[in-house]
């Protein structure tokens, strides 16, 4: 029960923030907090991969973008031209397609958002499986370079492909229906409901990750992080565990990409940029490699400040500096920095 206490604290904070913003008529802050929640999903998934499996990834922005772009493409690309095709007819009869009208009154036939989400996450996990096998055999900076290469490939594909909108990205992505009358969308009237949807998703994944970390799998991951050779000697299937966590982390990133794309009503190539991946790694480093609560808290704070424009045009530079400073002075994370202990040591040395 003790391990779940922070979850109740987080839930209380989420409710308190919403009540305060409603009372002070500053609900516009909920927009950035909602987006921060989705970005934080990527970060806690990456924290599991880096902090527990000991595998660095500079390509998680690519997984996020794959999920978002596939869902956006499937829910906006008109299939009316192919409506007589056997596969399209079968999909329509099974309820996988939705008919409607576009902005100009023309006939519209697109993939249902739930189906698009399943396809997007499934394809992302499959890609993670295909590249994870050979890539995760690498170590250190070789692994970082390989995942960076993957992220760069995704960025160039979405930037150069007309189907994905090229430099303009994809817009007019429809809302994502969850329940009757409840949908993931960026409408002003749905700010509060979308805020709770995003943070409800974060709470669900935090529960799953806490249970995973405290299970036999979690102990195996910590053994791999401590010494892969020793874990192998003890009979731990290191290759299998690393690949499964890589796939899980990629799937979480893709799901976050799907939800944020429907919330924003679109997605652009910047979501697949290299600096996005660097930002995720920097936030995990600040919060602590093996601390999902530290990663979550730093993810919310830093993403919120970034989305509010606090860093201005120096946004990417700030996250680059943060990563360098943390690696030099607090490699275990800012929240694990024993500041008072170090001050006492310095004071004692001075005396």
Protein backbone atom coordinates (compact mmCIF):
# COMPACT_ATOMS: atom_id res chain seq x y z
CA UNK A 1 0.00 0.00 0.00
CA UNK A 2 2.89 2.33 0.76
CA UNK A 3 4.10 2.22 -2.84
CA UNK A 4 0.73 3.61 -4.03
CA UNK A 5 0.67 6.56 -1.61
CA UNK A 6 2.38 8.93 -4.08
CA UNK A 7 -0.38 8.13 -6.58
CA UNK A 8 -3.02 9.46 -4.18
CA UNK A 9 -0.89 12.56 -3.64
CA UNK A 10 -0.62 13.04 -7.42
CA UNK A 11 -4.38 12.61 -7.82
CA UNK A 12 -5.01 15.18 -5.09
CA UNK A 13 -2.62 17.65 -6.76
CA UNK A 14 -4.31 17.15 -10.14
CA UNK A 15 -7.74 17.91 -8.64
CA UNK A 16 -6.38 20.83 -6.59
CA UNK A 17 -4.77 22.46 -9.64
CA UNK A 18 -8.01 22.19 -11.60
CA UNK A 19 -10.04 23.70 -8.76
CA UNK A 20 -7.59 26.57 -8.26
CA UNK A 21 -7.48 27.42 -11.97
CA UNK A 22 -11.29 27.36 -12.16
CA UNK A 23 -11.60 29.52 -9.07
CA UNK A 24 -9.04 32.06 -10.31
CA UNK A 25 -10.36 31.99 -13.91
CA UNK A 26 -6.99 30.79 -15.24
CA UNK A 27 -8.16 27.56 -16.87
CA UNK A 28 -6.01 28.41 -19.88
CA UNK A 29 -3.12 26.90 -17.88
CA UNK A 30 -4.87 23.54 -18.19
CA UNK A 31 -4.03 23.46 -21.91
CA UNK A 32 -0.28 23.37 -21.28
CA UNK A 33 -0.71 21.01 -18.31
CA UNK A 34 -2.67 18.61 -20.51
CA UNK A 35 0.04 18.66 -23.18
CA UNK A 36 2.69 18.24 -20.48
CA UNK A 37 0.88 15.12 -19.26
CA UNK A 38 1.10 13.51 -22.70
CA UNK A 39 4.76 14.42 -23.09
CA UNK A 40 5.35 13.01 -19.60
CA UNK A 41 4.08 9.63 -20.80
CA UNK A 42 7.00 9.52 -23.23
CA UNK A 43 9.38 10.52 -20.46
CA UNK A 44 8.32 7.89 -17.91
CA UNK A 45 8.49 5.23 -20.62
CA UNK A 46 12.00 6.40 -21.52
CA UNK A 47 12.89 6.45 -17.80
CA UNK A 48 11.96 2.77 -17.59
CA UNK A 49 14.20 2.01 -20.56
CA UNK A 50 17.18 4.10 -19.44
CA UNK A 51 16.98 3.90 -15.67
CA UNK A 52 16.05 0.25 -15.25
CA UNK A 53 17.08 -1.54 -18.45
CA UNK A 54 20.17 0.66 -18.83
CA UNK A 55 19.55 1.36 -22.54
CA UNK A 56 19.80 4.91 -23.88
CA UNK A 57 17.55 6.04 -26.73
CA UNK A 58 17.78 9.20 -28.79
CA UNK A 59 14.97 8.11 -31.07
CA UNK A 60 11.88 8.28 -28.89
CA UNK A 61 10.64 11.39 -30.66
CA UNK A 62 10.49 9.14 -33.73
CA UNK A 63 8.19 6.65 -31.97
CA UNK A 64 6.02 9.53 -30.73
CA UNK A 65 5.81 10.91 -34.28
CA UNK A 66 5.01 7.52 -35.83
CA UNK A 67 2.02 7.12 -33.52
CA UNK A 68 0.78 10.66 -34.07
CA UNK A 69 1.32 10.74 -37.83
CA UNK A 70 -0.25 7.32 -38.50
CA UNK A 71 -3.34 8.17 -36.46
CA UNK A 72 -3.61 11.60 -38.11
CA UNK A 73 -3.20 10.15 -41.60
CA UNK A 74 -5.73 7.37 -41.13
CA UNK A 75 -8.37 9.69 -39.63
CA UNK A 76 -7.99 12.45 -42.24
CA UNK A 77 -7.12 10.67 -45.51
CA UNK A 78 -10.29 10.38 -47.61
CA UNK A 79 -10.94 6.82 -48.84
CA UNK A 80 -14.00 7.65 -50.96
CA UNK A 81 -12.01 6.99 -54.14
CA UNK A 82 -11.45 3.40 -52.99
CA UNK A 83 -14.91 2.80 -51.48
CA UNK A 84 -15.75 0.05 -53.99
CA UNK A 85 -12.60 -1.89 -53.18
CA UNK A 86 -13.27 -5.20 -51.42
CA UNK A 87 -11.09 -4.37 -48.42
CA UNK A 88 -12.72 -0.95 -47.95
CA UNK A 89 -16.19 -2.50 -48.19
CA UNK A 90 -15.29 -5.06 -45.52
CA UNK A 91 -13.80 -2.39 -43.25
CA UNK A 92 -16.91 -0.24 -43.65
CA UNK A 93 -19.22 -3.13 -42.78
CA UNK A 94 -17.15 -3.96 -39.70
CA UNK A 95 -17.43 -0.38 -38.42
CA UNK A 96 -13.76 0.46 -38.88
CA UNK A 97 -14.56 3.37 -41.19
CA UNK A 98 -16.58 6.52 -40.55
CA UNK A 99 -18.56 8.34 -43.25
CA UNK A 100 -19.21 12.06 -43.16
CA UNK A 101 -18.79 15.35 -44.99
CA UNK A 102 -15.73 17.53 -45.40
CA UNK A 103 -15.62 21.32 -45.01
CA UNK A 104 -16.91 21.80 -48.54
CA UNK A 105 -19.83 19.39 -48.26
CA UNK A 106 -18.11 16.55 -50.11
CA UNK A 107 -18.36 12.90 -49.14
CA UNK A 108 -15.77 11.79 -46.58
CA UNK A 109 -14.71 8.28 -45.61
CA UNK A 110 -11.96 7.88 -43.01
CA UNK A 111 -10.71 5.33 -40.48
CA UNK A 112 -12.41 5.34 -37.07
CA UNK A 113 -10.08 6.94 -34.44
CA UNK A 114 -10.02 3.87 -32.16
CA UNK A 115 -8.96 1.67 -35.06
CA UNK A 116 -6.39 4.26 -36.13
CA UNK A 117 -4.99 4.32 -32.58
CA UNK A 118 -4.64 0.54 -32.45
CA UNK A 119 -2.95 0.49 -35.86
CA UNK A 120 -0.60 3.34 -34.93
CA UNK A 121 0.50 1.78 -31.64
CA UNK A 122 0.72 -1.69 -33.18
CA UNK A 123 2.88 -0.52 -36.09
CA UNK A 124 5.14 1.41 -33.70
CA UNK A 125 5.64 -1.63 -31.47
CA UNK A 126 6.36 -3.75 -34.55
CA UNK A 127 8.98 -1.24 -35.76
CA UNK A 128 10.52 -1.23 -32.27
CA UNK A 129 10.68 -5.02 -32.41
CA UNK A 130 12.34 -5.01 -35.84
CA UNK A 131 15.00 -2.43 -35.02
CA UNK A 132 15.37 -3.38 -31.36
CA UNK A 133 16.82 -6.80 -32.05
CA UNK A 134 19.99 -5.63 -33.82
CA UNK A 135 20.24 -2.16 -32.23
CA UNK A 136 20.08 -3.30 -28.60
CA UNK A 137 23.13 -5.49 -29.14
CA UNK A 138 25.10 -2.24 -29.21
CA UNK A 139 26.26 -0.48 -26.07
CA UNK A 140 27.14 3.03 -24.92
CA UNK A 141 27.56 5.71 -27.54
CA UNK A 142 27.11 3.15 -30.35
CA UNK A 143 23.55 2.50 -29.13
CA UNK A 144 22.92 6.24 -28.82
CA UNK A 145 24.15 6.82 -32.38
CA UNK A 146 21.97 4.00 -33.76
CA UNK A 147 18.79 5.28 -32.10
CA UNK A 148 19.68 8.81 -33.17
CA UNK A 149 19.94 7.54 -36.75
CA UNK A 150 16.48 5.98 -36.47
CA UNK A 151 15.02 9.25 -35.21
CA UNK A 152 16.65 11.15 -38.06
CA UNK A 153 15.17 8.73 -40.61
CA UNK A 154 11.66 9.23 -39.20
CA UNK A 155 12.09 13.02 -39.26
CA UNK A 156 13.24 13.06 -42.90
CA UNK A 157 10.41 10.69 -43.97
CA UNK A 158 7.61 12.81 -42.49
CA UNK A 159 9.25 16.01 -43.71
CA UNK A 160 9.59 14.83 -47.33
CA UNK A 161 6.41 12.78 -47.77
CA UNK A 162 3.35 14.47 -49.27
CA UNK A 163 1.04 11.97 -47.53
CA UNK A 164 2.28 13.32 -44.18
CA UNK A 165 1.91 16.97 -45.21
CA UNK A 166 5.64 17.58 -45.67
CA UNK A 167 6.78 20.70 -43.75
CA UNK A 168 3.19 21.74 -42.97
CA UNK A 169 2.32 18.51 -41.20
CA UNK A 170 -1.27 17.26 -40.88
CA UNK A 171 -4.14 19.41 -39.65
CA UNK A 172 -7.89 19.04 -39.13
CA UNK A 173 -7.44 15.82 -37.15
CA UNK A 174 -10.87 14.91 -35.67
CA UNK A 175 -11.55 14.47 -31.94
CA UNK A 176 -10.90 11.07 -30.38
CA UNK A 177 -14.19 9.75 -28.88
CA UNK A 178 -13.76 7.91 -25.58
CA UNK A 179 -17.27 7.79 -24.15
CA UNK A 180 -20.61 9.25 -25.29
CA UNK A 181 -20.14 13.01 -24.98
CA UNK A 182 -16.47 12.69 -23.97
CA UNK A 183 -13.68 13.06 -26.51
CA UNK A 184 -10.04 14.08 -26.73
CA UNK A 185 -10.14 17.46 -28.45
CA UNK A 186 -8.75 20.94 -28.06
CA UNK A 187 -12.06 22.75 -27.72
CA UNK A 188 -12.26 25.50 -25.09
CA UNK A 189 -15.33 23.92 -23.53
CA UNK A 190 -13.52 20.61 -23.10
CA UNK A 191 -10.44 21.93 -21.26
CA UNK A 192 -11.33 20.44 -17.89
CA UNK A 193 -12.45 17.05 -19.21
CA UNK A 194 -9.35 16.73 -21.41
CA UNK A 195 -7.16 17.70 -18.47
CA UNK A 196 -8.56 14.81 -16.44
CA UNK A 197 -8.36 12.42 -19.41
CA UNK A 198 -4.64 13.16 -19.86
CA UNK A 199 -3.79 12.86 -16.19
CA UNK A 200 -5.99 9.80 -15.80
CA UNK A 201 -3.90 8.16 -18.52
CA UNK A 202 -0.71 9.15 -16.71
CA UNK A 203 -2.02 7.67 -13.44
CA UNK A 204 -2.93 4.39 -15.16
CA UNK A 205 0.55 4.02 -16.63
CA UNK A 206 2.20 5.00 -13.36
CA UNK A 207 0.29 2.18 -11.63
CA UNK A 208 1.38 -0.28 -14.33
CA UNK A 209 5.02 0.82 -14.19
CA UNK A 210 5.15 0.75 -10.37
CA UNK A 211 3.83 -2.81 -10.41
CA UNK A 212 6.31 -3.74 -13.14
CA UNK A 213 9.27 -2.23 -11.29
CA UNK A 214 8.38 -4.07 -8.08
CA UNK A 215 7.88 -7.41 -9.81
CA UNK A 216 10.28 -10.14 -10.88
CA UNK A 217 10.72 -8.30 -14.18
CA UNK A 218 11.77 -5.17 -12.33
CA UNK A 219 14.40 -7.06 -10.37
CA UNK A 220 15.72 -8.56 -13.59
CA UNK A 221 15.91 -5.09 -15.17
CA UNK A 222 17.85 -3.72 -12.20
CA UNK A 223 20.24 -6.65 -12.50
CA UNK A 224 20.76 -5.87 -16.19
CA UNK A 225 21.39 -2.22 -15.38
CA UNK A 226 23.87 -3.13 -12.67
CA UNK A 227 25.85 -5.62 -14.76
CA UNK A 228 24.59 -7.26 -17.92
CA UNK A 229 27.29 -9.94 -17.76
CA UNK A 230 26.43 -10.84 -14.17
CA UNK A 231 22.72 -10.94 -15.00
CA UNK A 232 23.45 -13.30 -17.90
CA UNK A 233 25.48 -15.51 -15.60
CA UNK A 234 22.53 -15.70 -13.19
CA UNK A 235 20.25 -16.93 -16.00
CA UNK A 236 18.48 -13.65 -16.81
CA UNK A 237 17.40 -13.42 -20.45
CA UNK A 238 18.96 -9.99 -20.91
CA UNK A 239 18.31 -9.71 -24.66
CA UNK A 240 14.65 -10.65 -24.24
CA UNK A 241 14.03 -8.24 -21.36
CA UNK A 242 15.76 -5.33 -23.11
CA UNK A 243 13.76 -5.87 -26.29
CA UNK A 244 10.42 -6.13 -24.45
CA UNK A 245 11.06 -2.95 -22.45
CA UNK A 246 12.16 -1.18 -25.63
CA UNK A 247 8.89 -2.19 -27.29
CA UNK A 248 6.84 -1.17 -24.25
CA UNK A 249 8.55 2.20 -24.08
CA UNK A 250 8.00 2.77 -27.82
CA UNK A 251 4.33 1.80 -27.51
CA UNK A 252 3.77 4.27 -24.66
CA UNK A 253 5.42 7.02 -26.72
CA UNK A 254 3.21 6.18 -29.72
CA UNK A 255 0.05 6.25 -27.58
CA UNK A 256 1.06 9.66 -26.22
CA UNK A 257 1.60 10.82 -29.80
CA UNK A 258 -1.87 9.63 -30.83
CA UNK A 259 -3.66 11.38 -27.97
CA UNK A 260 -1.71 14.62 -28.23
CA UNK A 261 -2.29 14.74 -32.00
CA UNK A 262 -6.05 14.44 -31.55
CA UNK A 263 -5.93 16.96 -28.70
CA UNK A 264 -4.04 19.52 -30.81
CA UNK A 265 -5.98 18.70 -33.95
CA UNK A 266 -2.75 18.16 -35.89
CA UNK A 267 0.93 17.27 -35.86
CA UNK A 268 4.05 18.69 -37.49
CA UNK A 269 7.54 17.38 -38.30
CA UNK A 270 9.06 19.17 -35.30
CA UNK A 271 7.61 16.38 -33.11
CA UNK A 272 10.05 13.97 -34.77
CA UNK A 273 13.04 16.31 -34.52
CA UNK A 274 16.32 15.27 -32.93
CA UNK A 275 16.05 18.00 -30.30
CA UNK A 276 12.77 16.50 -29.10
CA UNK A 277 14.61 13.26 -28.31
CA UNK A 278 17.41 15.21 -26.62
CA UNK A 279 14.77 17.01 -24.56
CA UNK A 280 13.26 13.74 -23.37
CA UNK A 281 16.68 12.39 -22.38
CA UNK A 282 17.54 15.66 -20.60
CA UNK A 283 14.33 15.55 -18.55
CA UNK A 284 14.92 11.91 -17.55
CA UNK A 285 18.46 12.86 -16.51
CA UNK A 286 17.22 15.80 -14.43
CA UNK A 287 14.60 13.71 -12.65
CA UNK A 288 16.93 10.77 -12.09
CA UNK A 289 17.55 7.84 -14.41
CA UNK A 290 15.94 5.29 -12.06
CA UNK A 291 13.20 7.50 -10.61
CA UNK A 292 9.90 7.49 -12.49
CA UNK A 293 8.50 10.01 -9.98
CA UNK A 294 11.47 12.30 -10.52
CA UNK A 295 11.14 11.97 -14.28
CA UNK A 296 7.41 12.66 -14.11
CA UNK A 297 7.75 15.74 -11.90
CA UNK A 298 10.58 17.24 -13.94
CA UNK A 299 8.73 16.38 -17.14
CA UNK A 300 5.67 18.31 -16.06
CA UNK A 301 7.61 21.34 -14.80
CA UNK A 302 10.04 21.71 -17.71
CA UNK A 303 7.48 20.97 -20.42
CA UNK A 304 5.02 23.39 -18.87
CA UNK A 305 7.64 26.16 -18.79
CA UNK A 306 8.61 25.39 -22.37
CA UNK A 307 5.02 25.39 -23.62
CA UNK A 308 4.35 28.68 -21.84
CA UNK A 309 7.25 30.19 -23.80
CA UNK A 310 9.39 30.94 -20.74
CA UNK A 311 12.59 29.96 -22.56
CA UNK A 312 11.65 31.86 -25.71
CA UNK A 313 13.77 31.25 -28.81
CA UNK A 314 16.44 29.61 -26.63
CA UNK A 315 14.17 26.66 -25.86
CA UNK A 316 16.33 23.94 -27.46
CA UNK A 317 19.53 25.53 -26.18
CA UNK A 318 18.18 25.49 -22.61
CA UNK A 319 17.51 21.75 -22.71
CA UNK A 320 20.94 21.13 -24.21
CA UNK A 321 22.58 23.10 -21.40
CA UNK A 322 20.45 21.28 -18.81
CA UNK A 323 21.66 17.91 -20.11
CA UNK A 324 25.32 18.96 -20.02
CA UNK A 325 25.08 20.46 -16.51
CA UNK A 326 23.25 17.44 -15.09
CA UNK A 327 25.73 14.99 -16.59
CA UNK A 328 28.63 16.99 -15.13
CA UNK A 329 27.35 17.84 -11.66
CA UNK A 330 24.35 15.62 -10.86
CA UNK A 331 24.44 12.40 -12.93
CA UNK A 332 21.98 10.72 -10.54
CA UNK A 333 19.41 13.46 -11.10
CA UNK A 334 18.60 16.81 -9.56
CA UNK A 335 16.13 15.36 -7.06
CA UNK A 336 18.76 12.92 -5.78
CA UNK A 337 21.39 15.59 -5.36
CA UNK A 338 22.35 15.60 -1.68
CA UNK A 339 22.81 19.33 -1.57
CA UNK A 340 22.86 19.75 2.20
CA UNK A 341 25.32 16.87 2.63
CA UNK A 342 27.66 18.45 0.09
CA UNK A 343 27.36 21.86 1.76
CA UNK A 344 28.28 20.34 5.11
CA UNK A 345 31.30 18.65 3.54
CA UNK A 346 32.39 21.92 1.96
CA UNK A 347 31.91 23.73 5.24
CA UNK A 348 33.85 21.07 7.10
CA UNK A 349 36.67 21.24 4.56
CA UNK A 350 36.80 25.02 4.91
CA UNK A 351 37.09 24.78 8.66
